[in-house]
């Protein structure tokens, strides 16, 4: 059972037998200190449920968004490929300009003809 303070609206979960007094029980809110008489609900029909509107399925992303994402991925792959090919073809110049790169190129198995100074 959930008991709600009428002053500050703090909610408390209470076991059913804690408030079984037939004439009600005094309860004090731990948050605001308000004291009230909590009376048990009379047995009978449960309160009516509120009508809930039916849930609509979420809209799927439109085809344009998916096409844009695929196009962006394709552009990224092409740019990365061009950079890798350019780096491979210019490995001799890169090793000559940056001698430490020769060790990296050798470690990758694409060693350059030029060795570091």
N, C-alpha and C. Protein backbone atom coordinates (compact mmCIF):
# COMPACT_ATOMS: atom_id res chain seq x y z
N UNK A 1 0.86 -1.17 0.00
CA UNK A 1 0.00 0.00 0.00
C UNK A 1 0.90 1.23 0.00
N UNK A 2 0.46 2.27 -0.66
CA UNK A 2 1.21 3.52 -0.71
C UNK A 2 0.40 4.59 0.02
N UNK A 3 1.05 5.25 0.98
CA UNK A 3 0.43 6.31 1.76
C UNK A 3 1.09 7.62 1.35
N UNK A 4 0.27 8.67 1.12
CA UNK A 4 0.78 9.95 0.66
C UNK A 4 0.47 11.02 1.70
N UNK A 5 1.48 11.82 2.04
CA UNK A 5 1.28 12.92 2.98
C UNK A 5 0.42 13.98 2.32
N UNK A 6 -0.67 14.45 2.99
CA UNK A 6 -1.52 15.46 2.37
C UNK A 6 -0.88 16.84 2.31
N UNK A 7 0.18 17.08 3.06
CA UNK A 7 0.83 18.40 3.07
C UNK A 7 1.91 18.53 1.99
N UNK A 8 2.84 17.59 1.96
CA UNK A 8 3.98 17.72 1.05
C UNK A 8 3.97 16.71 -0.08
N UNK A 9 3.00 15.83 -0.11
CA UNK A 9 2.83 14.82 -1.16
C UNK A 9 3.95 13.78 -1.21
N UNK A 10 4.69 13.61 -0.12
CA UNK A 10 5.69 12.56 -0.04
C UNK A 10 4.97 11.23 0.04
N UNK A 11 5.46 10.25 -0.71
CA UNK A 11 4.79 8.95 -0.75
C UNK A 11 5.62 7.92 0.01
N UNK A 12 4.92 7.04 0.74
CA UNK A 12 5.56 5.99 1.53
C UNK A 12 4.94 4.65 1.18
N UNK A 13 5.79 3.65 1.03
CA UNK A 13 5.31 2.28 0.82
C UNK A 13 5.17 1.64 2.20
N UNK A 14 3.97 1.15 2.49
CA UNK A 14 3.67 0.59 3.82
C UNK A 14 3.10 -0.80 3.63
N UNK A 15 3.50 -1.72 4.51
CA UNK A 15 2.91 -3.06 4.45
C UNK A 15 1.46 -2.98 4.91
N UNK A 16 0.64 -3.87 4.42
CA UNK A 16 -0.80 -3.82 4.69
C UNK A 16 -1.16 -3.91 6.16
N UNK A 17 -0.45 -4.71 6.95
CA UNK A 17 -0.81 -4.89 8.36
C UNK A 17 -0.36 -3.73 9.24
N UNK A 18 0.48 -2.82 8.75
CA UNK A 18 0.94 -1.69 9.57
C UNK A 18 -0.18 -0.68 9.82
N UNK A 19 -1.15 -0.60 8.94
CA UNK A 19 -2.24 0.35 9.08
C UNK A 19 -3.59 -0.35 9.14
N UNK A 20 -3.65 -1.49 9.84
CA UNK A 20 -4.87 -2.29 9.90
C UNK A 20 -5.89 -1.84 10.94
N UNK A 21 -5.63 -0.77 11.66
CA UNK A 21 -6.59 -0.33 12.69
C UNK A 21 -7.93 -0.02 12.03
N UNK A 22 -9.04 -0.56 12.57
CA UNK A 22 -10.34 -0.38 11.90
C UNK A 22 -10.83 1.07 11.89
N UNK A 23 -10.43 1.88 12.88
CA UNK A 23 -10.88 3.26 12.96
C UNK A 23 -9.83 4.23 12.42
N UNK A 24 -8.76 3.72 11.87
CA UNK A 24 -7.71 4.57 11.34
C UNK A 24 -6.50 4.62 12.26
N UNK A 25 -5.45 5.23 11.80
CA UNK A 25 -4.22 5.31 12.58
C UNK A 25 -3.55 6.65 12.30
N UNK A 26 -2.99 7.24 13.37
CA UNK A 26 -2.27 8.50 13.20
C UNK A 26 -0.92 8.21 12.56
N UNK A 27 -0.61 9.02 11.56
CA UNK A 27 0.63 8.85 10.81
C UNK A 27 1.34 10.19 10.77
N UNK A 28 2.69 10.17 10.91
CA UNK A 28 3.48 11.40 10.84
C UNK A 28 4.44 11.30 9.67
N UNK A 29 4.49 12.36 8.87
CA UNK A 29 5.38 12.42 7.71
C UNK A 29 6.81 12.66 8.19
N UNK A 30 7.73 11.86 7.71
CA UNK A 30 9.13 12.00 8.10
C UNK A 30 9.78 13.21 7.44
N UNK A 31 9.19 13.71 6.38
CA UNK A 31 9.78 14.84 5.67
C UNK A 31 9.36 16.18 6.26
N UNK A 32 8.04 16.39 6.41
CA UNK A 32 7.57 17.70 6.86
C UNK A 32 7.03 17.68 8.28
N UNK A 33 6.84 16.50 8.88
CA UNK A 33 6.37 16.40 10.26
C UNK A 33 4.86 16.49 10.40
N UNK A 34 4.11 16.62 9.34
CA UNK A 34 2.64 16.71 9.41
C UNK A 34 2.07 15.41 9.94
N UNK A 35 1.07 15.51 10.82
CA UNK A 35 0.41 14.34 11.39
C UNK A 35 -1.03 14.32 10.87
N UNK A 36 -1.48 13.16 10.42
CA UNK A 36 -2.87 13.02 9.96
C UNK A 36 -3.39 11.65 10.32
N UNK A 37 -4.70 11.51 10.27
CA UNK A 37 -5.36 10.25 10.57
C UNK A 37 -5.59 9.52 9.25
N UNK A 38 -4.90 8.40 9.11
CA UNK A 38 -5.06 7.61 7.88
C UNK A 38 -6.09 6.53 8.16
N UNK A 39 -7.16 6.54 7.38
CA UNK A 39 -8.21 5.53 7.54
C UNK A 39 -8.11 4.54 6.40
N UNK A 40 -8.35 3.27 6.71
CA UNK A 40 -8.27 2.27 5.64
C UNK A 40 -9.41 2.49 4.63
N UNK A 41 -9.13 2.15 3.40
CA UNK A 41 -10.15 2.28 2.37
C UNK A 41 -11.21 1.22 2.58
N UNK A 42 -12.49 1.59 2.41
CA UNK A 42 -13.54 0.59 2.60
C UNK A 42 -13.44 -0.48 1.51
N UNK A 43 -13.71 -1.72 1.90
CA UNK A 43 -13.65 -2.78 0.88
C UNK A 43 -14.76 -2.57 -0.14
N UNK A 44 -14.49 -2.95 -1.32
CA UNK A 44 -15.48 -2.79 -2.38
C UNK A 44 -14.81 -2.83 -3.72
N UNK A 45 -15.47 -2.23 -4.67
CA UNK A 45 -14.93 -2.21 -6.02
C UNK A 45 -13.69 -1.32 -6.07
N UNK A 46 -12.69 -1.74 -6.78
CA UNK A 46 -11.51 -0.88 -6.91
C UNK A 46 -11.87 0.35 -7.73
N UNK A 47 -11.12 1.43 -7.56
CA UNK A 47 -11.43 2.64 -8.33
C UNK A 47 -11.30 2.36 -9.82
N UNK A 48 -12.09 3.05 -10.63
CA UNK A 48 -12.02 2.80 -12.07
C UNK A 48 -10.68 3.24 -12.64
N UNK A 49 -10.24 2.52 -13.62
CA UNK A 49 -8.97 2.85 -14.27
C UNK A 49 -9.18 3.95 -15.29
N UNK A 50 -8.16 4.78 -15.41
CA UNK A 50 -8.22 5.84 -16.42
C UNK A 50 -8.03 5.23 -17.79
N UNK A 51 -8.68 5.81 -18.75
CA UNK A 51 -8.51 5.34 -20.12
C UNK A 51 -7.15 5.83 -20.63
N UNK A 52 -6.41 4.93 -21.20
CA UNK A 52 -5.09 5.25 -21.74
C UNK A 52 -5.19 5.23 -23.26
N UNK A 53 -4.73 6.29 -23.91
CA UNK A 53 -4.81 6.27 -25.37
C UNK A 53 -3.92 5.17 -25.92
N UNK A 54 -4.32 4.57 -27.03
CA UNK A 54 -3.50 3.50 -27.60
C UNK A 54 -2.14 4.03 -28.05
N UNK A 55 -1.13 3.19 -27.88
CA UNK A 55 0.21 3.58 -28.29
C UNK A 55 0.35 3.39 -29.79
N UNK A 56 0.92 4.39 -30.43
CA UNK A 56 1.17 4.31 -31.85
C UNK A 56 2.59 3.83 -32.08
N UNK A 57 2.82 3.06 -33.11
CA UNK A 57 4.20 2.63 -33.37
C UNK A 57 5.08 3.82 -33.70
N UNK A 58 6.32 3.74 -33.26
CA UNK A 58 7.26 4.82 -33.53
C UNK A 58 7.51 4.91 -35.03
N UNK A 59 7.68 6.13 -35.49
CA UNK A 59 7.93 6.31 -36.91
C UNK A 59 9.32 5.80 -37.25
N UNK A 60 9.40 5.11 -38.35
CA UNK A 60 10.70 4.62 -38.80
C UNK A 60 11.43 5.78 -39.45
N UNK A 61 12.76 5.76 -39.38
CA UNK A 61 13.51 6.83 -40.05
C UNK A 61 13.21 6.83 -41.53
N UNK A 62 13.11 7.98 -42.05
CA UNK A 62 12.81 8.10 -43.48
C UNK A 62 14.02 7.64 -44.30
N UNK A 63 13.77 7.28 -45.52
CA UNK A 63 14.82 6.78 -46.39
C UNK A 63 15.93 7.79 -46.62
N UNK A 64 15.60 9.09 -46.60
CA UNK A 64 16.63 10.11 -46.84
C UNK A 64 17.70 10.06 -45.77
N UNK A 65 17.30 9.88 -44.52
CA UNK A 65 18.27 9.84 -43.43
C UNK A 65 19.21 8.66 -43.56
N UNK A 66 18.65 7.52 -43.95
CA UNK A 66 19.47 6.32 -44.12
C UNK A 66 20.41 6.50 -45.31
N UNK A 67 19.91 7.11 -46.38
CA UNK A 67 20.76 7.35 -47.55
C UNK A 67 21.90 8.30 -47.20
N UNK A 68 21.61 9.31 -46.43
CA UNK A 68 22.66 10.26 -46.03
C UNK A 68 23.72 9.57 -45.19
N UNK A 69 23.28 8.69 -44.28
CA UNK A 69 24.23 8.00 -43.42
C UNK A 69 25.12 7.07 -44.27
N UNK A 70 24.53 6.37 -45.22
CA UNK A 70 25.31 5.48 -46.08
C UNK A 70 26.27 6.31 -46.94
N UNK A 71 25.80 7.44 -47.45
CA UNK A 71 26.66 8.30 -48.26
C UNK A 71 27.83 8.84 -47.44
N UNK A 72 27.57 9.24 -46.21
CA UNK A 72 28.64 9.75 -45.34
C UNK A 72 29.66 8.65 -45.05
N UNK A 73 29.18 7.44 -44.81
CA UNK A 73 30.08 6.32 -44.56
C UNK A 73 30.91 6.01 -45.79
N UNK A 74 30.29 6.05 -46.95
CA UNK A 74 31.02 5.81 -48.20
C UNK A 74 32.09 6.87 -48.43
N UNK A 75 31.77 8.14 -48.19
CA UNK A 75 32.76 9.21 -48.34
C UNK A 75 33.91 9.01 -47.37
N UNK A 76 33.61 8.62 -46.13
CA UNK A 76 34.67 8.39 -45.15
C UNK A 76 35.58 7.25 -45.58
N UNK A 77 35.01 6.18 -46.13
CA UNK A 77 35.82 5.04 -46.58
C UNK A 77 36.70 5.46 -47.76
N UNK A 78 36.15 6.23 -48.70
CA UNK A 78 36.93 6.68 -49.86
C UNK A 78 38.08 7.58 -49.42
N UNK A 79 37.80 8.54 -48.52
CA UNK A 79 38.85 9.45 -48.05
C UNK A 79 39.95 8.67 -47.33
N UNK A 80 39.56 7.73 -46.47
CA UNK A 80 40.55 6.93 -45.75
C UNK A 80 41.38 6.09 -46.73
N UNK A 81 40.72 5.53 -47.73
CA UNK A 81 41.44 4.73 -48.72
C UNK A 81 42.44 5.58 -49.50
N UNK A 82 42.04 6.77 -49.92
CA UNK A 82 42.94 7.66 -50.65
C UNK A 82 44.14 8.02 -49.79
N UNK A 83 43.91 8.31 -48.51
CA UNK A 83 45.02 8.65 -47.61
C UNK A 83 45.97 7.47 -47.43
N UNK A 84 45.43 6.27 -47.29
CA UNK A 84 46.29 5.10 -47.13
C UNK A 84 47.11 4.82 -48.39
N UNK A 85 46.49 4.92 -49.56
CA UNK A 85 47.22 4.70 -50.81
C UNK A 85 48.28 5.77 -51.00
N UNK A 86 47.94 7.04 -50.73
CA UNK A 86 48.93 8.12 -50.86
C UNK A 86 50.09 7.90 -49.90
N UNK A 87 49.80 7.47 -48.68
CA UNK A 87 50.87 7.20 -47.72
C UNK A 87 51.75 6.05 -48.15
N UNK A 88 51.14 5.02 -48.75
CA UNK A 88 51.92 3.89 -49.23
C UNK A 88 52.82 4.30 -50.40
N UNK A 89 52.26 5.05 -51.34
CA UNK A 89 53.04 5.46 -52.50
C UNK A 89 54.14 6.47 -52.15
N UNK A 90 53.94 7.24 -51.11
CA UNK A 90 54.92 8.25 -50.72
C UNK A 90 55.75 7.78 -49.52
N UNK A 91 55.80 6.50 -49.27
CA UNK A 91 56.51 6.00 -48.08
C UNK A 91 57.99 6.34 -48.10
N UNK A 92 58.61 6.38 -49.27
CA UNK A 92 60.03 6.71 -49.36
C UNK A 92 60.26 8.18 -48.96
N UNK A 93 59.41 9.05 -49.45
CA UNK A 93 59.54 10.48 -49.10
C UNK A 93 59.24 10.71 -47.62
N UNK A 94 58.26 9.98 -47.11
CA UNK A 94 57.92 10.14 -45.69
C UNK A 94 59.09 9.68 -44.82
N UNK A 95 59.70 8.55 -45.17
CA UNK A 95 60.83 8.03 -44.38
C UNK A 95 62.02 8.96 -44.48
N UNK A 96 62.23 9.60 -45.64
CA UNK A 96 63.36 10.52 -45.79
C UNK A 96 63.13 11.80 -44.99
N UNK A 97 61.90 12.27 -44.95
CA UNK A 97 61.60 13.50 -44.22
C UNK A 97 61.50 13.26 -42.72
N UNK A 98 61.10 12.05 -42.35
CA UNK A 98 60.89 11.74 -40.93
C UNK A 98 61.52 10.38 -40.67
N UNK A 99 62.80 10.38 -40.28
CA UNK A 99 63.54 9.11 -40.16
C UNK A 99 62.91 8.10 -39.20
N UNK A 100 62.22 8.55 -38.18
CA UNK A 100 61.61 7.60 -37.24
C UNK A 100 60.50 6.80 -37.92
N UNK A 101 59.94 7.31 -39.01
CA UNK A 101 58.87 6.60 -39.71
C UNK A 101 59.39 5.36 -40.41
N UNK A 102 60.70 5.31 -40.72
CA UNK A 102 61.26 4.14 -41.39
C UNK A 102 61.10 2.91 -40.52
N UNK A 103 61.28 3.06 -39.20
CA UNK A 103 61.12 1.92 -38.29
C UNK A 103 59.66 1.47 -38.25
N UNK A 104 58.75 2.43 -38.28
CA UNK A 104 57.33 2.10 -38.27
C UNK A 104 56.94 1.39 -39.57
N UNK A 105 57.43 1.88 -40.69
CA UNK A 105 57.12 1.25 -41.97
C UNK A 105 57.68 -0.17 -42.03
N UNK A 106 58.88 -0.37 -41.48
CA UNK A 106 59.46 -1.72 -41.43
C UNK A 106 58.62 -2.64 -40.54
N UNK A 107 58.13 -2.11 -39.42
CA UNK A 107 57.32 -2.90 -38.50
C UNK A 107 55.99 -3.30 -39.16
N UNK A 108 55.48 -2.44 -40.03
CA UNK A 108 54.24 -2.74 -40.72
C UNK A 108 54.45 -3.64 -41.93
N UNK A 109 55.71 -3.90 -42.27
CA UNK A 109 56.01 -4.79 -43.38
C UNK A 109 55.97 -4.11 -44.73
N UNK A 110 55.99 -2.79 -44.74
CA UNK A 110 55.98 -2.05 -46.00
C UNK A 110 57.19 -1.14 -46.03
N UNK A 111 58.34 -1.66 -45.60
CA UNK A 111 59.55 -0.88 -45.48
C UNK A 111 59.87 -0.06 -46.71
N UNK A 112 60.48 1.05 -46.45
CA UNK A 112 60.86 1.95 -47.56
C UNK A 112 62.28 1.66 -47.98
N UNK A 113 62.64 2.14 -49.16
CA UNK A 113 63.99 1.96 -49.65
C UNK A 113 64.96 2.86 -48.92
N UNK A 114 64.49 4.00 -48.43
CA UNK A 114 65.37 4.96 -47.74
C UNK A 114 65.41 4.64 -46.26
N UNK A 115 66.60 4.58 -45.71
CA UNK A 115 66.76 4.34 -44.28
C UNK A 115 67.06 5.64 -43.59
N UNK A 116 66.73 5.71 -42.33
CA UNK A 116 66.94 6.93 -41.54
C UNK A 116 68.41 7.30 -41.45
N UNK A 117 68.70 8.58 -41.31
CA UNK A 117 70.07 9.06 -41.30
C UNK A 117 70.74 8.74 -39.99
